[in-house]
């Protein structure tokens, strides 16, 4: 989920990596052609444009199973650099792939869906097996344009051995989290690592905590973006900003010089007890140190009863309005969203599922998966923001970490948000 919109031009379409899945054993996206036999004249060919490079191999395995029961449909997998940019250009120039993955919270996708560029699946049977809370979370102006498959969330990674050796129970409230940090610090252990060198990680933290702790935040920010209110008028923002600073008293010495990769490596090697980021880091942590005994817990709230976690859809499948072979495309989506296919697709990364009754989610994220299954979730609030605004929020917060000036920070947020939808 460490994604960002990347600027590009039509030239980006040159040299696209095409992975032909049918009958192939290679899952490498660099290959232009896997050498599979040419499809027979009676076959219908559809392109599956998917945005997750780590999913190429498992998708190829699923293709083989689909091909066995659907010999008349040849599916080609396409995974390219800068996929969000490429998808936008292709759909805009009538070169849309038959089936694609995207993110319902993505502002560019939302705009194109509202413009009628994507098929409305709200009442389609393809949505029947989607968890109701996830279907609601994925709506754009009350409609579903993508079938959610895999979900992403964030939480606190913790070193289980450090917690156990210091007799620390998992915190369920903010007070308990700070108490745990104090105890670790007193024992000579760095409680938290923060990767504040990069504003993107800061932005993720701010968005997560705004949605989790600030009351009616979506409506309030909508009022600000429409020029009806000011950030500085909301009394909840000052203690919110203070909380961002307060937790950093338990961080490492060089927070502003620490990158995401630095923090991942140092957590994996036991240099800190806790690190806040998304579940997408699990595989890399385990790969960096297979012996590390770690898991995740939800970021606590002031009151345990208010605990919930942000969820975004990490893999979701849709159809362009002007795409070819829509009947075959829907048949393919139906296959890709069956219980068996989703379990196989999510097994490697261990992400929670958007589909009902799917056993997914690694052991490390059991508590987060339980919150999702219980419907104690909220969508990322930045899905309602204009493109680029989230980066500005990250940069402004990064500046506050340097200056410690909350008043200046709130003024900066007000400048970023105020009346932006009317400009």
Protein backbone atom coordinates (compact mmCIF):
# COMPACT_ATOMS: atom_id res chain seq x y z
CA UNK A 1 0.00 0.00 0.00
CA UNK A 2 2.93 2.36 -0.15
CA UNK A 3 1.48 3.87 -3.28
CA UNK A 4 1.45 7.29 -4.81
CA UNK A 5 0.22 8.82 -8.06
CA UNK A 6 3.17 9.20 -10.41
CA UNK A 7 3.20 11.73 -13.23
CA UNK A 8 3.68 10.30 -16.68
CA UNK A 9 2.84 10.72 -20.31
CA UNK A 10 1.69 8.68 -23.24
CA UNK A 11 5.28 7.48 -23.56
CA UNK A 12 4.72 5.44 -20.43
CA UNK A 13 2.64 3.09 -22.53
CA UNK A 14 5.69 2.10 -24.54
CA UNK A 15 7.17 -1.20 -23.45
CA UNK A 16 4.32 -2.31 -21.20
CA UNK A 17 5.00 -5.63 -19.52
CA UNK A 18 2.48 -8.19 -20.69
CA UNK A 19 2.23 -11.45 -18.81
CA UNK A 20 0.38 -14.09 -20.79
CA UNK A 21 -0.99 -16.39 -18.17
CA UNK A 22 -2.66 -19.19 -20.07
CA UNK A 23 -0.55 -22.31 -20.22
CA UNK A 24 2.58 -20.63 -18.81
CA UNK A 25 4.87 -21.48 -15.95
CA UNK A 26 6.65 -18.12 -15.66
CA UNK A 27 5.09 -15.37 -13.57
CA UNK A 28 7.63 -12.66 -14.31
CA UNK A 29 6.13 -9.32 -15.34
CA UNK A 30 9.27 -8.39 -17.31
CA UNK A 31 8.46 -10.96 -19.97
CA UNK A 32 6.58 -9.64 -22.97
CA UNK A 33 5.41 -13.12 -23.95
CA UNK A 34 5.63 -16.33 -22.00
CA UNK A 35 5.75 -18.44 -25.13
CA UNK A 36 2.31 -20.01 -24.69
CA UNK A 37 0.55 -21.27 -27.79
CA UNK A 38 -1.51 -18.81 -29.80
CA UNK A 39 -5.19 -18.91 -28.85
CA UNK A 40 -7.50 -20.71 -31.18
CA UNK A 41 -9.75 -18.66 -33.38
CA UNK A 42 -12.78 -19.62 -31.27
CA UNK A 43 -11.25 -18.18 -28.11
CA UNK A 44 -12.17 -14.81 -26.69
CA UNK A 45 -9.16 -12.93 -25.35
CA UNK A 46 -9.46 -10.59 -22.36
CA UNK A 47 -6.77 -8.56 -20.62
CA UNK A 48 -6.53 -8.48 -16.83
CA UNK A 49 -4.75 -5.24 -15.93
CA UNK A 50 -3.74 -5.61 -12.29
CA UNK A 51 -1.72 -3.21 -10.15
CA UNK A 52 0.01 -5.53 -7.65
CA UNK A 53 3.43 -6.78 -8.85
CA UNK A 54 3.66 -9.09 -5.84
CA UNK A 55 0.48 -10.80 -7.05
CA UNK A 56 1.67 -11.77 -10.53
CA UNK A 57 2.74 -15.34 -9.72
CA UNK A 58 -0.34 -16.34 -7.73
CA UNK A 59 -2.62 -14.77 -10.35
CA UNK A 60 -0.90 -16.87 -13.03
CA UNK A 61 -1.67 -19.98 -10.98
CA UNK A 62 -5.31 -18.96 -10.74
CA UNK A 63 -5.42 -18.32 -14.48
CA UNK A 64 -4.45 -21.92 -15.15
CA UNK A 65 -7.39 -23.16 -13.08
CA UNK A 66 -9.75 -20.73 -14.80
CA UNK A 67 -8.50 -21.88 -18.20
CA UNK A 68 -9.26 -25.51 -17.39
CA UNK A 69 -12.96 -24.81 -16.94
CA UNK A 70 -13.15 -21.98 -19.50
CA UNK A 71 -11.07 -23.07 -22.50
CA UNK A 72 -12.85 -20.57 -24.75
CA UNK A 73 -11.57 -17.57 -22.73
CA UNK A 74 -7.89 -16.66 -22.93
CA UNK A 75 -6.79 -14.27 -20.17
CA UNK A 76 -3.68 -12.15 -20.43
CA UNK A 77 -2.28 -10.56 -17.28
CA UNK A 78 -0.76 -7.09 -17.55
CA UNK A 79 1.28 -5.61 -14.71
CA UNK A 80 3.26 -2.47 -15.45
CA UNK A 81 5.22 0.29 -13.70
CA UNK A 82 3.13 3.30 -12.64
CA UNK A 83 -0.11 1.32 -13.13
CA UNK A 84 -2.50 4.01 -11.89
CA UNK A 85 -1.19 6.48 -14.46
CA UNK A 86 -1.25 3.92 -17.26
CA UNK A 87 -4.79 2.81 -16.40
CA UNK A 88 -6.03 6.40 -16.47
CA UNK A 89 -4.47 7.07 -19.87
CA UNK A 90 -5.74 3.84 -21.39
CA UNK A 91 -9.33 4.29 -20.19
CA UNK A 92 -9.26 7.92 -21.32
CA UNK A 93 -8.05 6.99 -24.81
CA UNK A 94 -10.49 4.12 -25.51
CA UNK A 95 -7.81 1.50 -24.95
CA UNK A 96 -9.30 0.13 -21.75
CA UNK A 97 -8.43 -3.40 -20.58
CA UNK A 98 -11.37 -5.78 -20.28
CA UNK A 99 -10.84 -6.28 -16.52
CA UNK A 100 -8.73 -4.29 -14.07
CA UNK A 101 -7.90 -3.77 -10.43
CA UNK A 102 -8.02 -0.37 -8.77
CA UNK A 103 -8.71 1.31 -5.42
CA UNK A 104 -12.17 2.73 -4.63
CA UNK A 105 -10.59 5.33 -2.32
CA UNK A 106 -8.37 6.68 -5.14
CA UNK A 107 -9.49 10.20 -6.08
CA UNK A 108 -8.72 9.82 -9.79
CA UNK A 109 -10.62 6.53 -9.96
CA UNK A 110 -13.56 8.10 -8.15
CA UNK A 111 -13.64 10.96 -10.65
CA UNK A 112 -13.62 8.60 -13.64
CA UNK A 113 -16.26 6.35 -12.07
CA UNK A 114 -18.53 9.36 -11.55
CA UNK A 115 -17.97 10.33 -15.19
CA UNK A 116 -19.36 6.95 -16.29
CA UNK A 117 -16.06 5.39 -17.35
CA UNK A 118 -16.56 2.32 -15.13
CA UNK A 119 -19.43 -0.18 -14.98
CA UNK A 120 -21.79 0.25 -12.02
CA UNK A 121 -21.85 -3.09 -10.16
CA UNK A 122 -24.06 -2.01 -7.26
CA UNK A 123 -26.85 -4.50 -7.89
CA UNK A 124 -24.79 -6.99 -9.85
CA UNK A 125 -24.64 -10.60 -8.58
CA UNK A 126 -20.85 -10.15 -8.45
CA UNK A 127 -21.36 -8.14 -5.25
CA UNK A 128 -23.41 -10.86 -3.52
CA UNK A 129 -20.49 -12.42 -1.63
CA UNK A 130 -18.90 -9.15 -0.49
CA UNK A 131 -18.98 -8.42 3.24
CA UNK A 132 -21.71 -5.78 3.71
CA UNK A 133 -19.50 -3.41 5.74
CA UNK A 134 -16.80 -3.59 3.05
CA UNK A 135 -19.32 -3.04 0.26
CA UNK A 136 -20.54 0.09 2.06
CA UNK A 137 -17.00 1.29 2.66
CA UNK A 138 -16.23 0.91 -1.07
CA UNK A 139 -19.16 2.95 -2.33
CA UNK A 140 -18.68 6.08 -4.41
CA UNK A 141 -21.72 8.34 -4.19
CA UNK A 142 -23.72 5.32 -3.04
CA UNK A 143 -22.61 3.01 -5.85
CA UNK A 144 -20.15 0.12 -6.12
CA UNK A 145 -17.84 0.15 -9.12
CA UNK A 146 -15.36 -2.47 -7.90
CA UNK A 147 -15.65 -5.89 -6.24
CA UNK A 148 -13.43 -5.75 -3.11
CA UNK A 149 -11.10 -8.74 -2.70
CA UNK A 150 -8.23 -7.85 -0.35
CA UNK A 151 -8.13 -5.23 2.40
CA UNK A 152 -5.38 -3.21 4.03
CA UNK A 153 -5.19 -1.60 7.44
CA UNK A 154 -2.58 -0.18 9.79
CA UNK A 155 -1.60 -0.93 13.34
CA UNK A 156 1.25 -1.20 15.82
CA UNK A 157 3.90 -3.82 15.17
CA UNK A 158 5.38 -5.05 18.43
CA UNK A 159 8.28 -7.26 19.45
CA UNK A 160 6.62 -10.01 21.46
CA UNK A 161 9.84 -11.02 23.21
CA UNK A 162 10.51 -7.45 24.40
CA UNK A 163 6.94 -7.16 25.67
CA UNK A 164 7.15 -10.49 27.50
CA UNK A 165 10.60 -9.91 29.01
CA UNK A 166 9.39 -6.57 30.41
CA UNK A 167 6.06 -8.01 31.59
CA UNK A 168 3.97 -5.70 29.39
CA UNK A 169 0.41 -6.56 28.41
CA UNK A 170 -0.99 -5.40 25.10
CA UNK A 171 -2.39 -1.88 25.55
CA UNK A 172 -6.06 -1.33 24.83
CA UNK A 173 -6.23 2.40 25.64
CA UNK A 174 -4.02 5.42 24.97
CA UNK A 175 -3.09 5.61 28.67
CA UNK A 176 -2.00 1.97 28.63
CA UNK A 177 0.05 2.55 25.47
CA UNK A 178 1.93 5.44 27.10
CA UNK A 179 2.41 3.41 30.29
CA UNK A 180 3.92 0.59 28.25
CA UNK A 181 6.22 3.06 26.50
CA UNK A 182 7.34 4.51 29.85
CA UNK A 183 8.12 1.03 31.17
CA UNK A 184 10.12 0.11 28.07
CA UNK A 185 12.02 3.38 28.16
CA UNK A 186 12.89 2.86 31.83
CA UNK A 187 14.25 -0.57 30.91
CA UNK A 188 16.56 0.93 28.30
CA UNK A 189 14.42 -0.17 25.33
CA UNK A 190 13.42 2.28 22.58
CA UNK A 191 9.61 2.09 22.71
CA UNK A 192 8.79 3.40 19.22
CA UNK A 193 10.40 3.96 15.86
CA UNK A 194 9.05 6.72 13.58
CA UNK A 195 10.01 7.06 9.90
CA UNK A 196 9.52 10.82 9.77
CA UNK A 197 12.09 11.41 7.03
CA UNK A 198 9.31 10.69 4.51
CA UNK A 199 6.12 12.74 4.60
CA UNK A 200 4.13 9.88 3.06
CA UNK A 201 4.40 7.77 6.22
CA UNK A 202 3.48 10.80 8.32
CA UNK A 203 0.47 11.40 6.09
CA UNK A 204 -0.69 7.82 6.64
CA UNK A 205 -0.49 8.27 10.40
CA UNK A 206 -2.34 11.59 10.37
CA UNK A 207 -5.14 10.30 8.14
CA UNK A 208 -5.51 7.14 10.24
CA UNK A 209 -5.68 9.01 13.55
CA UNK A 210 -7.97 11.77 12.27
CA UNK A 211 -10.49 9.17 11.15
CA UNK A 212 -10.15 7.17 14.34
CA UNK A 213 -10.33 9.96 16.94
CA UNK A 214 -11.88 13.18 15.60
CA UNK A 215 -15.70 13.24 15.77
CA UNK A 216 -17.62 13.78 12.52
CA UNK A 217 -14.31 14.50 10.79
CA UNK A 218 -15.52 13.78 7.24
CA UNK A 219 -18.42 16.23 7.45
CA UNK A 220 -16.28 18.85 9.15
CA UNK A 221 -13.50 18.66 6.54
CA UNK A 222 -16.12 18.79 3.78
CA UNK A 223 -17.40 22.03 5.32
CA UNK A 224 -13.85 23.41 5.43
CA UNK A 225 -13.16 22.36 1.82
CA UNK A 226 -16.38 24.15 0.80
CA UNK A 227 -15.45 27.34 2.66
CA UNK A 228 -18.05 26.92 5.42
CA UNK A 229 -15.68 26.40 8.35
CA UNK A 230 -12.05 26.73 9.41
CA UNK A 231 -9.72 24.12 10.91
CA UNK A 232 -8.79 26.67 13.57
CA UNK A 233 -12.43 26.87 14.70
CA UNK A 234 -12.49 23.20 15.73
CA UNK A 235 -11.28 22.77 19.31
CA UNK A 236 -10.55 19.07 18.74
CA UNK A 237 -7.63 19.77 16.40
CA UNK A 238 -5.28 21.26 18.99
CA UNK A 239 -5.24 18.17 21.29
CA UNK A 240 -5.08 16.00 18.16
CA UNK A 241 -1.93 17.78 17.02
CA UNK A 242 -0.52 17.60 20.53
CA UNK A 243 -1.04 13.83 20.55
CA UNK A 244 1.07 13.50 17.40
CA UNK A 245 3.90 15.26 19.21
CA UNK A 246 3.40 13.53 22.57
CA UNK A 247 3.91 10.00 21.29
CA UNK A 248 7.19 11.02 19.69
CA UNK A 249 8.79 11.53 23.06
CA UNK A 250 9.07 7.74 23.06
CA UNK A 251 10.77 7.54 19.67
CA UNK A 252 14.37 7.07 18.57
CA UNK A 253 16.83 9.97 18.52
CA UNK A 254 16.90 10.58 14.76
CA UNK A 255 13.24 10.35 13.80
CA UNK A 256 13.55 12.99 11.07
CA UNK A 257 16.46 11.12 9.54
CA UNK A 258 14.78 7.71 9.59
CA UNK A 259 13.17 6.36 6.41
CA UNK A 260 10.53 3.65 6.10
CA UNK A 261 13.19 1.14 5.03
CA UNK A 262 15.40 2.15 7.98
CA UNK A 263 12.54 1.65 10.43
CA UNK A 264 11.58 -1.69 8.91
CA UNK A 265 15.16 -2.96 9.16
CA UNK A 266 15.64 -1.73 12.72
CA UNK A 267 12.34 -3.16 13.92
CA UNK A 268 13.23 -6.47 12.28
CA UNK A 269 16.59 -6.53 14.09
CA UNK A 270 15.06 -5.80 17.50
CA UNK A 271 16.16 -2.17 17.96
CA UNK A 272 12.69 -1.02 18.95
CA UNK A 273 9.66 -2.53 20.63
CA UNK A 274 6.97 -0.89 18.45
CA UNK A 275 6.46 0.60 15.00
CA UNK A 276 3.25 2.01 13.52
CA UNK A 277 2.62 1.30 9.83
CA UNK A 278 0.49 -0.88 7.56
CA UNK A 279 0.11 -4.63 7.29
CA UNK A 280 1.97 -4.49 3.98
CA UNK A 281 5.25 -4.57 5.95
CA UNK A 282 4.68 -8.07 7.35
CA UNK A 283 6.31 -9.99 4.54
CA UNK A 284 9.40 -7.80 4.45
CA UNK A 285 9.85 -7.93 8.22
CA UNK A 286 9.60 -11.72 8.20
CA UNK A 287 11.99 -11.88 5.26
CA UNK A 288 14.50 -9.57 6.99
CA UNK A 289 14.48 -11.64 10.17
CA UNK A 290 12.68 -15.00 10.00
CA UNK A 291 13.39 -15.55 13.70
CA UNK A 292 11.70 -12.36 14.90
CA UNK A 293 8.76 -13.02 17.22
CA UNK A 294 6.35 -10.22 16.33
CA UNK A 295 2.70 -9.39 15.79
CA UNK A 296 0.41 -6.35 15.53
CA UNK A 297 -2.23 -4.75 17.71
CA UNK A 298 -4.76 -2.02 16.85
CA UNK A 299 -3.67 1.52 17.64
CA UNK A 300 -5.48 2.20 20.94
CA UNK A 301 -8.12 4.86 21.50
CA UNK A 302 -8.77 6.87 24.67
CA UNK A 303 -11.64 4.53 25.54
CA UNK A 304 -11.33 0.85 24.66
CA UNK A 305 -15.00 0.72 23.65
CA UNK A 306 -14.29 3.18 20.82
CA UNK A 307 -11.60 1.02 19.23
CA UNK A 308 -11.82 0.72 15.45
CA UNK A 309 -9.40 0.54 12.57
CA UNK A 310 -9.11 2.22 9.20
CA UNK A 311 -9.66 -0.06 6.23
CA UNK A 312 -8.91 0.57 2.60
CA UNK A 313 -9.48 -1.82 -0.26
CA UNK A 314 -6.11 -3.04 -1.49
CA UNK A 315 -7.32 -5.23 -4.35
CA UNK A 316 -10.66 -4.71 -6.10
CA UNK A 317 -11.78 -5.73 -9.58
CA UNK A 318 -13.87 -3.80 -12.08
CA UNK A 319 -14.88 -3.41 -15.74
CA UNK A 320 -14.56 -0.30 -17.93
CA UNK A 321 -17.77 0.93 -19.49
CA UNK A 322 -16.27 0.84 -22.99
CA UNK A 323 -14.39 -2.40 -22.46
CA UNK A 324 -14.73 -5.35 -24.83
CA UNK A 325 -16.13 -8.80 -24.06
CA UNK A 326 -17.95 -7.79 -20.88
CA UNK A 327 -19.77 -11.10 -20.49
CA UNK A 328 -16.45 -12.97 -20.43
CA UNK A 329 -14.97 -10.30 -18.15
CA UNK A 330 -17.77 -10.82 -15.63
CA UNK A 331 -17.28 -14.58 -15.79
CA UNK A 332 -13.62 -14.08 -14.97
CA UNK A 333 -14.41 -11.75 -12.03
CA UNK A 334 -16.90 -14.31 -10.75
CA UNK A 335 -14.08 -16.87 -10.70
CA UNK A 336 -11.55 -14.52 -9.12
CA UNK A 337 -13.94 -13.67 -6.27
CA UNK A 338 -14.92 -17.19 -5.29
CA UNK A 339 -13.98 -18.30 -1.79
CA UNK A 340 -11.31 -20.68 -3.12
CA UNK A 341 -9.70 -18.12 -5.45
CA UNK A 342 -9.65 -15.35 -2.84
CA UNK A 343 -8.11 -17.63 -0.22
CA UNK A 344 -5.37 -18.59 -2.62
CA UNK A 345 -4.78 -15.00 -3.74
CA UNK A 346 -4.55 -13.66 -0.19
CA UNK A 347 -2.55 -16.57 1.26
CA UNK A 348 0.87 -15.11 0.47
CA UNK A 349 0.42 -11.60 1.81
CA UNK A 350 -2.13 -12.60 4.42
CA UNK A 351 -4.34 -9.57 3.89
CA UNK A 352 -7.88 -9.68 5.30
CA UNK A 353 -10.65 -10.50 2.84
CA UNK A 354 -13.48 -8.40 1.46
CA UNK A 355 -15.34 -11.59 0.55
CA UNK A 356 -17.55 -13.42 3.07
CA UNK A 357 -16.40 -16.59 4.85
CA UNK A 358 -12.84 -16.47 3.51
CA UNK A 359 -10.14 -17.69 5.87
CA UNK A 360 -7.45 -15.05 5.43
CA UNK A 361 -5.14 -12.91 7.44
CA UNK A 362 -1.86 -14.04 8.94
CA UNK A 363 -1.59 -14.92 12.61
CA UNK A 364 0.32 -11.69 13.24
CA UNK A 365 -2.78 -9.58 12.49
CA UNK A 366 -5.44 -11.65 14.27
CA UNK A 367 -6.67 -8.75 16.43
CA UNK A 368 -6.95 -6.45 13.41
CA UNK A 369 -8.77 -9.09 11.38
CA UNK A 370 -11.24 -9.56 14.24
CA UNK A 371 -12.04 -5.83 14.26
CA UNK A 372 -12.69 -5.98 10.52
CA UNK A 373 -14.91 -9.05 10.84
CA UNK A 374 -16.83 -7.28 13.61
CA UNK A 375 -17.40 -4.27 11.36
CA UNK A 376 -15.45 -1.94 13.67
CA UNK A 377 -13.93 -0.08 10.78
CA UNK A 378 -13.92 3.27 9.04
CA UNK A 379 -12.79 4.28 5.53
CA UNK A 380 -9.71 6.35 4.85
CA UNK A 381 -10.92 9.93 5.03
CA UNK A 382 -8.51 11.09 2.33
CA UNK A 383 -10.67 9.38 -0.31
CA UNK A 384 -12.79 12.56 -0.23
CA UNK A 385 -9.84 14.91 -0.72
CA UNK A 386 -8.71 16.39 -4.06
CA UNK A 387 -5.57 14.83 -5.58
CA UNK A 388 -2.34 16.05 -4.00
CA UNK A 389 -3.91 17.43 -0.84
CA UNK A 390 -2.82 14.44 1.26
CA UNK A 391 0.82 15.09 0.37
CA UNK A 392 0.47 18.68 1.57
CA UNK A 393 -0.95 17.44 4.88
CA UNK A 394 2.04 15.13 5.30
CA UNK A 395 4.53 17.90 4.60
CA UNK A 396 2.82 20.33 6.98
CA UNK A 397 2.83 17.74 9.77
CA UNK A 398 6.48 16.97 9.10
CA UNK A 399 7.22 20.67 9.53
CA UNK A 400 5.37 20.68 12.88
CA UNK A 401 7.57 17.82 14.10
CA UNK A 402 10.56 20.08 13.47
CA UNK A 403 9.19 23.36 14.86
CA UNK A 404 6.83 21.95 17.57
CA UNK A 405 4.58 24.93 16.72
CA UNK A 406 1.00 23.65 16.88
CA UNK A 407 -0.57 27.03 16.15
CA UNK A 408 1.40 27.38 12.95
CA UNK A 409 0.49 23.80 12.03
CA UNK A 410 -3.24 24.40 12.41
CA UNK A 411 -2.96 27.55 10.30
CA UNK A 412 -1.14 25.51 7.65
CA UNK A 413 -3.87 22.85 7.65
CA UNK A 414 -6.51 25.55 7.32
CA UNK A 415 -4.68 26.99 4.31
CA UNK A 416 -4.47 23.53 2.72
CA UNK A 417 -8.14 22.63 3.21
CA UNK A 418 -10.07 25.89 3.19
CA UNK A 419 -12.40 26.29 0.18
CA UNK A 420 -10.24 23.96 -1.92
CA UNK A 421 -13.27 22.39 -3.61
CA UNK A 422 -14.28 25.76 -5.04
CA UNK A 423 -10.93 26.71 -6.50
